[in-house]
């Protein structure tokens, strides 16, 4: 039997050190979101920011579902986006992160949106959110185009992202939102 290098002690220690509440990689669709949401709600029961963390988890999962370049065809012939989503607990707070392939042609506009949102004050974010809700939906958006603003408004820090170039005109995009623990 061939040894699989998927699991190692180093990975086990990293997972333990970061107290992973959820780590999922695969196609996201409604049944999976329901199960993962249930795990989050159970494992974070009593956490005062559970509603905000859960809302951001759903928003990041929906981004993967709708915008990931990697797709699978479901039995009903609809498609689902593939990516990964991670919720971790650290002494200072919670981190909700997602990662998926995006077209390299969308990198600059994504960077600009995130940097713009990160530069807004809480009051300006609220005003921008309201303005975007009333505006026409962007052509490339499956929703009202307010997902990143909403994530930023609910989290306790700037949106943190990374973009890695990968072959075939794709990039791997990660986005992380932070939630400070209450004292």
Foldseek 3Di string as FASTA:
>chain_A
DDDDPPDDVVVVVVCVQFVWQDKDWFFDDDVVLVVSLVSLCVVCPPFPLSVLVNVLLVLQLVCQQQAAPDWDQDPVRDIGGTWIWIWTADPFFIKIKIKGKHALVCVVVVVVVLVVLQPDDLVVLVVVLVVLQPDDADPSDPDSPCSSSSNCNSADHRKDKDWADDPDRMIMIMIMGTHGGDD
